[in-house]
């Protein structure tokens, strides 16, 4: 069953809402960029039609590396990464759970994905 969630970057220049299963755990990845940003990501993918992104003009910057399939989006003003388009399912999103309203990422169990081997 899907739920509706809302979230934002720290300064609020990027706001988003999405439909997804209940958030009961998270995901961490050991690739070089994920290790450095240290975010707890959703342990599910969000289809492009299930996410609504509202951002001030020019607020979203995108970082790509390696194969340039994954697109790591972040706020140009506050630097926070709220979501990225994935390498494993191009065009779909993983959400930075620390940016989701009402989610306590410090209390969530998580799985580790070996993204360093992709």
PDB file of N, CA and C in Angstrom:
ATOM      1  N   UNK A   1       0.836  -1.182   0.000  1.00  0.00           N
ATOM      2  CA  UNK A   1       0.000   0.000   0.000  1.00  0.00           C
ATOM      3  C   UNK A   1       0.881   1.245   0.000  1.00  0.00           C
ATOM      4  N   UNK A   2       0.571   2.174  -0.860  1.00  0.00           N
ATOM      5  CA  UNK A   2       1.366   3.395  -0.979  1.00  0.00           C
ATOM      6  C   UNK A   2       0.909   4.472   0.002  1.00  0.00           C
ATOM      7  N   UNK A   3       1.860   5.249   0.431  1.00  0.00           N
ATOM      8  CA  UNK A   3       1.595   6.419   1.269  1.00  0.00           C
ATOM      9  C   UNK A   3       2.105   7.650   0.545  1.00  0.00           C
ATOM     10  N   UNK A   4       1.664   8.804   0.963  1.00  0.00           N
ATOM     11  CA  UNK A   4       2.101  10.072   0.390  1.00  0.00           C
ATOM     12  C   UNK A   4       3.060  10.732   1.373  1.00  0.00           C
ATOM     13  N   UNK A   5       4.235  11.105   0.882  1.00  0.00           N
ATOM     14  CA  UNK A   5       5.257  11.743   1.700  1.00  0.00           C
ATOM     15  C   UNK A   5       5.619  13.101   1.112  1.00  0.00           C
ATOM     16  N   UNK A   6       6.126  13.990   1.966  1.00  0.00           N
ATOM     17  CA  UNK A   6       6.637  15.287   1.524  1.00  0.00           C
ATOM     18  C   UNK A   6       8.034  15.472   2.097  1.00  0.00           C
ATOM     19  N   UNK A   7       8.797  16.361   1.461  1.00  0.00           N
ATOM     20  CA  UNK A   7      10.134  16.648   1.950  1.00  0.00           C
ATOM     21  C   UNK A   7      10.724  17.860   1.264  1.00  0.00           C
ATOM     22  N   UNK A   8      11.934  18.192   1.665  1.00  0.00           N
ATOM     23  CA  UNK A   8      12.614  19.356   1.083  1.00  0.00           C
ATOM     24  C   UNK A   8      14.097  19.302   1.399  1.00  0.00           C
ATOM     25  N   UNK A   9      14.826  20.168   0.721  1.00  0.00           N
ATOM     26  CA  UNK A   9      16.223  20.394   1.099  1.00  0.00           C
ATOM     27  C   UNK A   9      16.206  21.239   2.382  1.00  0.00           C
ATOM     28  N   UNK A  10      17.349  21.629   2.898  1.00  0.00           N
ATOM     29  CA  UNK A  10      17.411  22.377   4.150  1.00  0.00           C
ATOM     30  C   UNK A  10      16.804  23.767   4.037  1.00  0.00           C
ATOM     31  N   UNK A  11      17.098  24.479   2.961  1.00  0.00           N
ATOM     32  CA  UNK A  11      16.635  25.871   2.818  1.00  0.00           C
ATOM     33  C   UNK A  11      15.227  25.973   2.237  1.00  0.00           C
ATOM     34  N   UNK A  12      14.705  24.884   1.677  1.00  0.00           N
ATOM     35  CA  UNK A  12      13.362  24.890   1.116  1.00  0.00           C
ATOM     36  C   UNK A  12      13.264  25.289  -0.338  1.00  0.00           C
ATOM     37  N   UNK A  13      14.402  25.538  -0.988  1.00  0.00           N
ATOM     38  CA  UNK A  13      14.362  25.883  -2.412  1.00  0.00           C
ATOM     39  C   UNK A  13      13.923  24.699  -3.276  1.00  0.00           C
ATOM     40  N   UNK A  14      14.119  23.472  -2.762  1.00  0.00           N
ATOM     41  CA  UNK A  14      13.652  22.259  -3.437  1.00  0.00           C
ATOM     42  C   UNK A  14      12.661  21.582  -2.508  1.00  0.00           C
ATOM     43  N   UNK A  15      11.437  21.400  -2.983  1.00  0.00           N
ATOM     44  CA  UNK A  15      10.404  20.677  -2.242  1.00  0.00           C
ATOM     45  C   UNK A  15       9.930  19.530  -3.125  1.00  0.00           C
ATOM     46  N   UNK A  16       9.526  18.461  -2.499  1.00  0.00           N
ATOM     47  CA  UNK A  16       9.073  17.309  -3.279  1.00  0.00           C
ATOM     48  C   UNK A  16       8.036  16.529  -2.495  1.00  0.00           C
ATOM     49  N   UNK A  17       7.247  15.775  -3.218  1.00  0.00           N
ATOM     50  CA  UNK A  17       6.308  14.834  -2.620  1.00  0.00           C
ATOM     51  C   UNK A  17       6.333  13.582  -3.479  1.00  0.00           C
ATOM     52  N   UNK A  18       6.021  12.461  -2.855  1.00  0.00           N
ATOM     53  CA  UNK A  18       6.069  11.204  -3.603  1.00  0.00           C
ATOM     54  C   UNK A  18       5.163  10.171  -2.954  1.00  0.00           C
ATOM     55  N   UNK A  19       4.792   9.189  -3.755  1.00  0.00           N
ATOM     56  CA  UNK A  19       4.039   8.034  -3.286  1.00  0.00           C
ATOM     57  C   UNK A  19       5.001   6.863  -3.210  1.00  0.00           C
ATOM     58  N   UNK A  20       4.934   6.123  -2.104  1.00  0.00           N
ATOM     59  CA  UNK A  20       5.843   4.995  -1.909  1.00  0.00           C
ATOM     60  C   UNK A  20       5.303   4.103  -0.803  1.00  0.00           C
ATOM     61  N   UNK A  21       5.888   2.920  -0.657  1.00  0.00           N
ATOM     62  CA  UNK A  21       5.515   2.066   0.466  1.00  0.00           C
ATOM     63  C   UNK A  21       5.872   2.752   1.787  1.00  0.00           C
ATOM     64  N   UNK A  22       5.322   2.249   2.876  1.00  0.00           N
ATOM     65  CA  UNK A  22       5.667   2.798   4.185  1.00  0.00           C
ATOM     66  C   UNK A  22       7.179   2.682   4.396  1.00  0.00           C
ATOM     67  N   UNK A  23       7.770   3.727   4.930  1.00  0.00           N
ATOM     68  CA  UNK A  23       9.217   3.741   5.172  1.00  0.00           C
ATOM     69  C   UNK A  23       9.489   3.041   6.500  1.00  0.00           C
ATOM     70  N   UNK A  24      10.078   1.865   6.427  1.00  0.00           N
ATOM     71  CA  UNK A  24      10.383   1.076   7.623  1.00  0.00           C
ATOM     72  C   UNK A  24      11.876   0.797   7.764  1.00  0.00           C
ATOM     73  N   UNK A  25      12.634   1.071   6.702  1.00  0.00           N
ATOM     74  CA  UNK A  25      14.081   0.895   6.749  1.00  0.00           C
ATOM     75  C   UNK A  25      14.710   1.772   5.674  1.00  0.00           C
ATOM     76  N   UNK A  26      16.016   1.772   5.643  1.00  0.00           N
ATOM     77  CA  UNK A  26      16.736   2.579   4.672  1.00  0.00           C
ATOM     78  C   UNK A  26      17.820   1.778   3.986  1.00  0.00           C
ATOM     79  N   UNK A  27      18.605   2.476   3.196  1.00  0.00           N
ATOM     80  CA  UNK A  27      19.660   1.850   2.414  1.00  0.00           C
ATOM     81  C   UNK A  27      20.882   2.766   2.439  1.00  0.00           C
ATOM     82  N   UNK A  28      22.011   2.169   2.598  1.00  0.00           N
ATOM     83  CA  UNK A  28      23.277   2.888   2.458  1.00  0.00           C
ATOM     84  C   UNK A  28      24.069   2.193   1.364  1.00  0.00           C
ATOM     85  N   UNK A  29      24.909   2.946   0.690  1.00  0.00           N
ATOM     86  CA  UNK A  29      25.687   2.433  -0.432  1.00  0.00           C
ATOM     87  C   UNK A  29      27.157   2.738  -0.172  1.00  0.00           C
ATOM     88  N   UNK A  30      28.031   1.851  -0.626  1.00  0.00           N
ATOM     89  CA  UNK A  30      29.462   2.045  -0.384  1.00  0.00           C
ATOM     90  C   UNK A  30      30.217   2.587  -1.600  1.00  0.00           C
ATOM     91  N   UNK A  31      29.496   3.103  -2.618  1.00  0.00           N
ATOM     92  CA  UNK A  31      30.214   3.721  -3.737  1.00  0.00           C
ATOM     93  C   UNK A  31      30.898   4.998  -3.238  1.00  0.00           C
ATOM     94  N   UNK A  32      31.806   5.522  -4.013  1.00  0.00           N
ATOM     95  CA  UNK A  32      32.593   6.662  -3.547  1.00  0.00           C
ATOM     96  C   UNK A  32      31.754   7.895  -3.243  1.00  0.00           C
ATOM     97  N   UNK A  33      30.769   8.201  -4.061  1.00  0.00           N
ATOM     98  CA  UNK A  33      29.968   9.408  -3.807  1.00  0.00           C
ATOM     99  C   UNK A  33      29.042   9.203  -2.607  1.00  0.00           C
ATOM    100  N   UNK A  34      28.442   8.038  -2.468  1.00  0.00           N
ATOM    101  CA  UNK A  34      27.546   7.786  -1.332  1.00  0.00           C
ATOM    102  C   UNK A  34      28.313   7.753  -0.015  1.00  0.00           C
ATOM    103  N   UNK A  35      29.519   7.219  -0.016  1.00  0.00           N
ATOM    104  CA  UNK A  35      30.323   7.230   1.207  1.00  0.00           C
ATOM    105  C   UNK A  35      30.580   8.660   1.655  1.00  0.00           C
ATOM    106  N   UNK A  36      30.882   9.534   0.705  1.00  0.00           N
ATOM    107  CA  UNK A  36      31.202  10.913   1.065  1.00  0.00           C
ATOM    108  C   UNK A  36      29.976  11.715   1.502  1.00  0.00           C
ATOM    109  N   UNK A  37      28.800  11.456   0.882  1.00  0.00           N
ATOM    110  CA  UNK A  37      27.618  12.218   1.294  1.00  0.00           C
ATOM    111  C   UNK A  37      26.941  11.607   2.515  1.00  0.00           C
ATOM    112  N   UNK A  38      27.136  10.323   2.771  1.00  0.00           N
ATOM    113  CA  UNK A  38      26.668   9.698   4.004  1.00  0.00           C
ATOM    114  C   UNK A  38      25.161   9.686   4.201  1.00  0.00           C
ATOM    115  N   UNK A  39      24.401   9.731   3.157  1.00  0.00           N
ATOM    116  CA  UNK A  39      22.944   9.804   3.272  1.00  0.00           C
ATOM    117  C   UNK A  39      22.315   8.431   3.478  1.00  0.00           C
ATOM    118  N   UNK A  40      21.179   8.429   4.153  1.00  0.00           N
ATOM    119  CA  UNK A  40      20.347   7.232   4.262  1.00  0.00           C
ATOM    120  C   UNK A  40      19.282   7.358   3.175  1.00  0.00           C
ATOM    121  N   UNK A  41      19.350   6.463   2.212  1.00  0.00           N
ATOM    122  CA  UNK A  41      18.445   6.534   1.064  1.00  0.00           C
ATOM    123  C   UNK A  41      17.264   5.580   1.247  1.00  0.00           C
ATOM    124  N   UNK A  42      16.242   5.806   0.426  1.00  0.00           N
ATOM    125  CA  UNK A  42      15.095   4.905   0.434  1.00  0.00           C
ATOM    126  C   UNK A  42      15.533   3.526  -0.044  1.00  0.00           C
ATOM    127  N   UNK A  43      14.922   2.522   0.559  1.00  0.00           N
ATOM    128  CA  UNK A  43      15.199   1.143   0.171  1.00  0.00           C
ATOM    129  C   UNK A  43      14.170   0.691  -0.872  1.00  0.00           C
ATOM    130  N   UNK A  44      13.708   1.626  -1.661  1.00  0.00           N
ATOM    131  CA  UNK A  44      12.751   1.382  -2.734  1.00  0.00           C
ATOM    132  C   UNK A  44      12.999   2.438  -3.805  1.00  0.00           C
ATOM    133  N   UNK A  45      12.526   2.158  -4.994  1.00  0.00           N
ATOM    134  CA  UNK A  45      12.617   3.113  -6.094  1.00  0.00           C
ATOM    135  C   UNK A  45      11.298   3.867  -6.196  1.00  0.00           C
ATOM    136  N   UNK A  46      11.371   5.124  -6.598  1.00  0.00           N
ATOM    137  CA  UNK A  46      10.178   5.925  -6.859  1.00  0.00           C
ATOM    138  C   UNK A  46      10.138   6.198  -8.354  1.00  0.00           C
ATOM    139  N   UNK A  47       9.044   5.790  -8.985  1.00  0.00           N
ATOM    140  CA  UNK A  47       8.872   6.006 -10.428  1.00  0.00           C
ATOM    141  C   UNK A  47       8.708   7.502 -10.704  1.00  0.00           C
ATOM    142  N   UNK A  48       9.150   7.956 -11.871  1.00  0.00           N
ATOM    143  CA  UNK A  48       9.052   9.386 -12.191  1.00  0.00           C
ATOM    144  C   UNK A  48       7.626   9.933 -12.065  1.00  0.00           C
ATOM    145  N   UNK A  49       6.631   9.109 -12.373  1.00  0.00           N
ATOM    146  CA  UNK A  49       5.247   9.586 -12.272  1.00  0.00           C
ATOM    147  C   UNK A  49       4.742   9.631 -10.830  1.00  0.00           C
ATOM    148  N   UNK A  50       5.521   9.095  -9.883  1.00  0.00           N
ATOM    149  CA  UNK A  50       5.116   9.093  -8.474  1.00  0.00           C
ATOM    150  C   UNK A  50       5.846  10.127  -7.634  1.00  0.00           C
ATOM    151  N   UNK A  51       6.604  11.017  -8.280  1.00  0.00           N
ATOM    152  CA  UNK A  51       7.287  12.082  -7.548  1.00  0.00           C
ATOM    153  C   UNK A  51       6.957  13.420  -8.200  1.00  0.00           C
ATOM    154  N   UNK A  52       6.709  14.404  -7.350  1.00  0.00           N
ATOM    155  CA  UNK A  52       6.448  15.766  -7.805  1.00  0.00           C
ATOM    156  C   UNK A  52       7.531  16.651  -7.199  1.00  0.00           C
ATOM    157  N   UNK A  53       8.313  17.279  -8.047  1.00  0.00           N
ATOM    158  CA  UNK A  53       9.428  18.127  -7.596  1.00  0.00           C
ATOM    159  C   UNK A  53       9.107  19.579  -7.912  1.00  0.00           C
ATOM    160  N   UNK A  54       9.156  20.408  -6.884  1.00  0.00           N
ATOM    161  CA  UNK A  54       8.963  21.841  -7.038  1.00  0.00           C
ATOM    162  C   UNK A  54      10.250  22.511  -6.575  1.00  0.00           C
ATOM    163  N   UNK A  55      10.858  23.265  -7.470  1.00  0.00           N
ATOM    164  CA  UNK A  55      12.122  23.917  -7.120  1.00  0.00           C
ATOM    165  C   UNK A  55      12.139  25.332  -7.663  1.00  0.00           C
ATOM    166  N   UNK A  56      12.754  26.220  -6.909  1.00  0.00           N
ATOM    167  CA  UNK A  56      12.950  27.572  -7.415  1.00  0.00           C
ATOM    168  C   UNK A  56      13.801  27.471  -8.675  1.00  0.00           C
ATOM    169  N   UNK A  57      13.620  28.403  -9.563  1.00  0.00           N
ATOM    170  CA  UNK A  57      14.361  28.383 -10.825  1.00  0.00           C
ATOM    171  C   UNK A  57      15.865  28.360 -10.560  1.00  0.00           C
ATOM    172  N   UNK A  58      16.536  27.397 -11.179  1.00  0.00           N
ATOM    173  CA  UNK A  58      17.985  27.272 -11.051  1.00  0.00           C
ATOM    174  C   UNK A  58      18.461  26.666  -9.746  1.00  0.00           C
ATOM    175  N   UNK A  59      17.546  26.165  -8.894  1.00  0.00           N
ATOM    176  CA  UNK A  59      17.935  25.654  -7.579  1.00  0.00           C
ATOM    177  C   UNK A  59      18.602  24.285  -7.632  1.00  0.00           C
ATOM    178  N   UNK A  60      18.234  23.468  -8.607  1.00  0.00           N
ATOM    179  CA  UNK A  60      18.747  22.097  -8.648  1.00  0.00           C
ATOM    180  C   UNK A  60      20.006  22.011  -9.500  1.00  0.00           C
ATOM    181  N   UNK A  61      21.046  21.462  -8.893  1.00  0.00           N
ATOM    182  CA  UNK A  61      22.272  21.133  -9.622  1.00  0.00           C
ATOM    183  C   UNK A  61      22.367  19.610  -9.658  1.00  0.00           C
ATOM    184  N   UNK A  62      23.064  19.098 -10.643  1.00  0.00           N
ATOM    185  CA  UNK A  62      23.172  17.646 -10.813  1.00  0.00           C
ATOM    186  C   UNK A  62      24.629  17.248 -10.959  1.00  0.00           C
ATOM    187  N   UNK A  63      25.008  16.199 -10.236  1.00  0.00           N
ATOM    188  CA  UNK A  63      26.354  15.663 -10.313  1.00  0.00           C
ATOM    189  C   UNK A  63      26.282  14.266 -10.916  1.00  0.00           C
ATOM    190  N   UNK A  64      27.101  14.022 -11.926  1.00  0.00           N
ATOM    191  CA  UNK A  64      27.210  12.703 -12.555  1.00  0.00           C
ATOM    192  C   UNK A  64      28.674  12.302 -12.569  1.00  0.00           C
ATOM    193  N   UNK A  65      28.928  11.009 -12.488  1.00  0.00           N
ATOM    194  CA  UNK A  65      30.302  10.517 -12.598  1.00  0.00           C
ATOM    195  C   UNK A  65      30.266   9.118 -13.185  1.00  0.00           C
ATOM    196  N   UNK A  66      31.403   8.572 -13.473  1.00  0.00           N
ATOM    197  CA  UNK A  66      31.479   7.203 -13.998  1.00  0.00           C
ATOM    198  C   UNK A  66      30.711   7.055 -15.296  1.00  0.00           C
ATOM    199  N   UNK A  67      29.651   6.257 -15.266  1.00  0.00           N
ATOM    200  CA  UNK A  67      28.866   5.981 -16.467  1.00  0.00           C
ATOM    201  C   UNK A  67      27.889   7.112 -16.815  1.00  0.00           C
ATOM    202  N   UNK A  68      27.711   8.060 -15.933  1.00  0.00           N
ATOM    203  CA  UNK A  68      26.789   9.196 -16.102  1.00  0.00           C
ATOM    204  C   UNK A  68      25.332   8.764 -16.191  1.00  0.00           C
ATOM    205  N   UNK A  69      25.007   7.562 -15.707  1.00  0.00           N
ATOM    206  CA  UNK A  69      23.621   7.105 -15.679  1.00  0.00           C
ATOM    207  C   UNK A  69      22.929   7.642 -14.428  1.00  0.00           C
ATOM    208  N   UNK A  70      23.559   7.478 -13.265  1.00  0.00           N
ATOM    209  CA  UNK A  70      22.999   8.014 -12.022  1.00  0.00           C
ATOM    210  C   UNK A  70      23.147   9.533 -12.032  1.00  0.00           C
ATOM    211  N   UNK A  71      22.106  10.205 -11.554  1.00  0.00           N
ATOM    212  CA  UNK A  71      22.106  11.667 -11.509  1.00  0.00           C
ATOM    213  C   UNK A  71      21.815  12.087 -10.076  1.00  0.00           C
ATOM    214  N   UNK A  72      22.845  12.589  -9.405  1.00  0.00           N
ATOM    215  CA  UNK A  72      22.743  12.992  -8.010  1.00  0.00           C
ATOM    216  C   UNK A  72      22.373  14.469  -7.969  1.00  0.00           C
ATOM    217  N   UNK A  73      21.150  14.763  -7.513  1.00  0.00           N
ATOM    218  CA  UNK A  73      20.637  16.128  -7.510  1.00  0.00           C
ATOM    219  C   UNK A  73      20.852  16.758  -6.139  1.00  0.00           C
ATOM    220  N   UNK A  74      21.219  18.031  -6.138  1.00  0.00           N
ATOM    221  CA  UNK A  74      21.410  18.733  -4.873  1.00  0.00           C
ATOM    222  C   UNK A  74      21.021  20.195  -5.037  1.00  0.00           C
ATOM    223  N   UNK A  75      20.820  20.858  -3.913  1.00  0.00           N
ATOM    224  CA  UNK A  75      20.411  22.254  -3.905  1.00  0.00           C
ATOM    225  C   UNK A  75      21.637  23.158  -4.037  1.00  0.00           C
ATOM    226  N   UNK A  76      21.574  24.085  -4.976  1.00  0.00           N
ATOM    227  CA  UNK A  76      22.690  25.016  -5.177  1.00  0.00           C
ATOM    228  C   UNK A  76      22.867  25.970  -3.996  1.00  0.00           C
ATOM    229  N   UNK A  77      21.799  26.222  -3.253  1.00  0.00           N
ATOM    230  CA  UNK A  77      21.880  27.184  -2.151  1.00  0.00           C
ATOM    231  C   UNK A  77      22.403  26.547  -0.861  1.00  0.00           C
ATOM    232  N   UNK A  78      21.770  25.439  -0.422  1.00  0.00           N
ATOM    233  CA  UNK A  78      22.173  24.860   0.870  1.00  0.00           C
ATOM    234  C   UNK A  78      23.059  23.622   0.731  1.00  0.00           C
ATOM    235  N   UNK A  79      23.165  23.076  -0.482  1.00  0.00           N
ATOM    236  CA  UNK A  79      24.045  21.938  -0.725  1.00  0.00           C
ATOM    237  C   UNK A  79      23.473  20.578  -0.391  1.00  0.00           C
ATOM    238  N   UNK A  80      22.255  20.533   0.120  1.00  0.00           N
ATOM    239  CA  UNK A  80      21.666  19.252   0.526  1.00  0.00           C
ATOM    240  C   UNK A  80      21.219  18.445  -0.684  1.00  0.00           C
ATOM    241  N   UNK A  81      21.446  17.150  -0.602  1.00  0.00           N
ATOM    242  CA  UNK A  81      21.054  16.186  -1.633  1.00  0.00           C
ATOM    243  C   UNK A  81      19.725  15.551  -1.214  1.00  0.00           C
ATOM    244  N   UNK A  82      18.602  15.864  -1.882  1.00  0.00           N
ATOM    245  CA  UNK A  82      17.322  15.278  -1.485  1.00  0.00           C
ATOM    246  C   UNK A  82      16.962  13.974  -2.208  1.00  0.00           C
ATOM    247  N   UNK A  83      17.524  13.736  -3.397  1.00  0.00           N
ATOM    248  CA  UNK A  83      17.180  12.545  -4.165  1.00  0.00           C
ATOM    249  C   UNK A  83      18.161  12.383  -5.314  1.00  0.00           C
ATOM    250  N   UNK A  84      18.153  11.182  -5.896  1.00  0.00           N
ATOM    251  CA  UNK A  84      18.952  10.953  -7.102  1.00  0.00           C
ATOM    252  C   UNK A  84      18.219   9.980  -8.021  1.00  0.00           C
ATOM    253  N   UNK A  85      18.545  10.066  -9.284  1.00  0.00           N
ATOM    254  CA  UNK A  85      18.051   9.100 -10.261  1.00  0.00           C
ATOM    255  C   UNK A  85      19.074   7.982 -10.302  1.00  0.00           C
ATOM    256  N   UNK A  86      18.601   6.760 -10.278  1.00  0.00           N
ATOM    257  CA  UNK A  86      19.472   5.627 -10.001  1.00  0.00           C
ATOM    258  C   UNK A  86      20.169   5.032 -11.212  1.00  0.00           C
ATOM    259  N   UNK A  87      21.235   4.351 -10.915  1.00  0.00           N
ATOM    260  CA  UNK A  87      21.964   3.603 -11.931  1.00  0.00           C
ATOM    261  C   UNK A  87      21.283   2.263 -12.187  1.00  0.00           C
ATOM    262  N   UNK A  88      20.781   1.653 -11.124  1.00  0.00           N
ATOM    263  CA  UNK A  88      20.180   0.321 -11.241  1.00  0.00           C
ATOM    264  C   UNK A  88      18.827   0.343 -11.936  1.00  0.00           C
ATOM    265  N   UNK A  89      18.132   1.464 -11.864  1.00  0.00           N
ATOM    266  CA  UNK A  89      16.826   1.591 -12.526  1.00  0.00           C
ATOM    267  C   UNK A  89      16.749   3.016 -13.073  1.00  0.00           C
ATOM    268  N   UNK A  90      17.412   3.281 -14.203  1.00  0.00           N
ATOM    269  CA  UNK A  90      17.522   4.641 -14.747  1.00  0.00           C
ATOM    270  C   UNK A  90      16.168   5.354 -14.860  1.00  0.00           C
ATOM    271  N   UNK A  91      16.182   6.631 -14.475  1.00  0.00           N
ATOM    272  CA  UNK A  91      14.982   7.450 -14.515  1.00  0.00           C
ATOM    273  C   UNK A  91      14.151   7.375 -13.252  1.00  0.00           C
ATOM    274  N   UNK A  92      14.371   6.344 -12.430  1.00  0.00           N
ATOM    275  CA  UNK A  92      13.671   6.205 -11.161  1.00  0.00           C
ATOM    276  C   UNK A  92      14.520   6.829 -10.058  1.00  0.00           C
ATOM    277  N   UNK A  93      13.888   7.125  -8.953  1.00  0.00           N
ATOM    278  CA  UNK A  93      14.539   7.868  -7.876  1.00  0.00           C
ATOM    279  C   UNK A  93      14.720   7.037  -6.623  1.00  0.00           C
ATOM    280  N   UNK A  94      15.773   7.365  -5.885  1.00  0.00           N
ATOM    281  CA  UNK A  94      15.906   7.000  -4.478  1.00  0.00           C
ATOM    282  C   UNK A  94      15.865   8.338  -3.742  1.00  0.00           C
ATOM    283  N   UNK A  95      15.253   8.341  -2.586  1.00  0.00           N
ATOM    284  CA  UNK A  95      15.039   9.553  -1.813  1.00  0.00           C
ATOM    285  C   UNK A  95      15.981   9.562  -0.613  1.00  0.00           C
ATOM    286  N   UNK A  96      16.567  10.706  -0.326  1.00  0.00           N
ATOM    287  CA  UNK A  96      17.375  10.867   0.890  1.00  0.00           C
ATOM    288  C   UNK A  96      16.375  10.996   2.041  1.00  0.00           C
ATOM    289  N   UNK A  97      16.275   9.958   2.874  1.00  0.00           N
ATOM    290  CA  UNK A  97      15.247   9.904   3.907  1.00  0.00           C
ATOM    291  C   UNK A  97      15.399  10.988   4.962  1.00  0.00           C
ATOM    292  N   UNK A  98      16.582  11.552   5.114  1.00  0.00           N
ATOM    293  CA  UNK A  98      16.781  12.663   6.033  1.00  0.00           C
ATOM    294  C   UNK A  98      16.064  13.929   5.592  1.00  0.00           C
ATOM    295  N   UNK A  99      15.633  13.967   4.342  1.00  0.00           N
ATOM    296  CA  UNK A  99      14.905  15.119   3.804  1.00  0.00           C
ATOM    297  C   UNK A  99      13.394  14.912   3.826  1.00  0.00           C
ATOM    298  N   UNK A 100      12.929  13.751   4.258  1.00  0.00           N
ATOM    299  CA  UNK A 100      11.504  13.436   4.266  1.00  0.00           C
ATOM    300  C   UNK A 100      10.903  13.871   5.606  1.00  0.00           C
ATOM    301  N   UNK A 101       9.834  14.642   5.535  1.00  0.00           N
ATOM    302  CA  UNK A 101       9.165  15.131   6.738  1.00  0.00           C
ATOM    303  C   UNK A 101       8.696  13.969   7.607  1.00  0.00           C
ATOM    304  N   UNK A 102       9.022  14.045   8.913  1.00  0.00           N
ATOM    305  CA  UNK A 102       8.533  13.071   9.878  1.00  0.00           C
ATOM    306  C   UNK A 102       9.268  11.749   9.935  1.00  0.00           C
ATOM    307  N   UNK A 103      10.358  11.600   9.187  1.00  0.00           N
ATOM    308  CA  UNK A 103      11.124  10.357   9.211  1.00  0.00           C
ATOM    309  C   UNK A 103      12.374  10.554  10.075  1.00  0.00           C
ATOM    310  N   UNK A 104      12.542   9.694  11.076  1.00  0.00           N
ATOM    311  CA  UNK A 104      13.713   9.742  11.944  1.00  0.00           C
ATOM    312  C   UNK A 104      14.745   8.741  11.430  1.00  0.00           C
ATOM    313  N   UNK A 105      15.668   9.218  10.595  1.00  0.00           N
ATOM    314  CA  UNK A 105      16.636   8.296   9.975  1.00  0.00           C
ATOM    315  C   UNK A 105      17.568   7.652  10.989  1.00  0.00           C
ATOM    316  N   UNK A 106      17.764   8.285  12.135  1.00  0.00           N
ATOM    317  CA  UNK A 106      18.672   7.713  13.130  1.00  0.00           C
ATOM    318  C   UNK A 106      18.088   6.472  13.801  1.00  0.00           C
ATOM    319  N   UNK A 107      16.771   6.285  13.692  1.00  0.00           N
ATOM    320  CA  UNK A 107      16.156   5.110  14.311  1.00  0.00           C
ATOM    321  C   UNK A 107      15.861   3.999  13.308  1.00  0.00           C
ATOM    322  N   UNK A 108      16.123   4.231  12.034  1.00  0.00           N
ATOM    323  CA  UNK A 108      15.798   3.236  11.005  1.00  0.00           C
ATOM    324  C   UNK A 108      16.903   2.203  10.817  1.00  0.00           C
ATOM    325  N   UNK A 109      16.535   0.924  10.747  1.00  0.00           N
ATOM    326  CA  UNK A 109      17.528  -0.068  10.324  1.00  0.00           C
ATOM    327  C   UNK A 109      17.832   0.163   8.843  1.00  0.00           C
ATOM    328  N   UNK A 110      18.960  -0.361   8.385  1.00  0.00           N
ATOM    329  CA  UNK A 110      19.297  -0.172   6.970  1.00  0.00           C
ATOM    330  C   UNK A 110      20.060  -1.369   6.428  1.00  0.00           C
ATOM    331  N   UNK A 111      20.028  -1.471   5.121  1.00  0.00           N
ATOM    332  CA  UNK A 111      20.815  -2.481   4.415  1.00  0.00           C
ATOM    333  C   UNK A 111      21.955  -1.758   3.707  1.00  0.00           C
ATOM    334  N   UNK A 112      23.001  -2.496   3.412  1.00  0.00           N
ATOM    335  CA  UNK A 112      24.141  -1.935   2.703  1.00  0.00           C
ATOM    336  C   UNK A 112      24.191  -2.531   1.298  1.00  0.00           C
ATOM    337  N   UNK A 113      24.257  -1.678   0.302  1.00  0.00           N
ATOM    338  CA  UNK A 113      24.370  -2.104  -1.095  1.00  0.00           C
ATOM    339  C   UNK A 113      25.821  -1.920  -1.527  1.00  0.00           C
ATOM    340  N   UNK A 114      26.348  -2.887  -2.223  1.00  0.00           N
ATOM    341  CA  UNK A 114      27.729  -2.817  -2.698  1.00  0.00           C
ATOM    342  C   UNK A 114      27.785  -2.068  -4.024  1.00  0.00           C
ATOM    343  N   UNK A 115      27.491  -0.772  -3.990  1.00  0.00           N
ATOM    344  CA  UNK A 115      27.540   0.066  -5.185  1.00  0.00           C
ATOM    345  C   UNK A 115      28.943   0.236  -5.734  1.00  0.00           C
ATOM    346  N   UNK A 116      29.953   0.010  -4.907  1.00  0.00           N
ATOM    347  CA  UNK A 116      31.335   0.127  -5.355  1.00  0.00           C
ATOM    348  C   UNK A 116      31.662  -0.915  -6.430  1.00  0.00           C
ATOM    349  N   UNK A 117      30.888  -1.992  -6.478  1.00  0.00           N
ATOM    350  CA  UNK A 117      31.135  -3.050  -7.450  1.00  0.00           C
ATOM    351  C   UNK A 117      30.341  -2.896  -8.746  1.00  0.00           C
ATOM    352  N   UNK A 118      29.493  -1.875  -8.826  1.00  0.00           N
ATOM    353  CA  UNK A 118      28.688  -1.680 -10.054  1.00  0.00           C
ATOM    354  C   UNK A 118      29.524  -1.073 -11.144  1.00  0.00           C
TER     355      UNK A 118
END
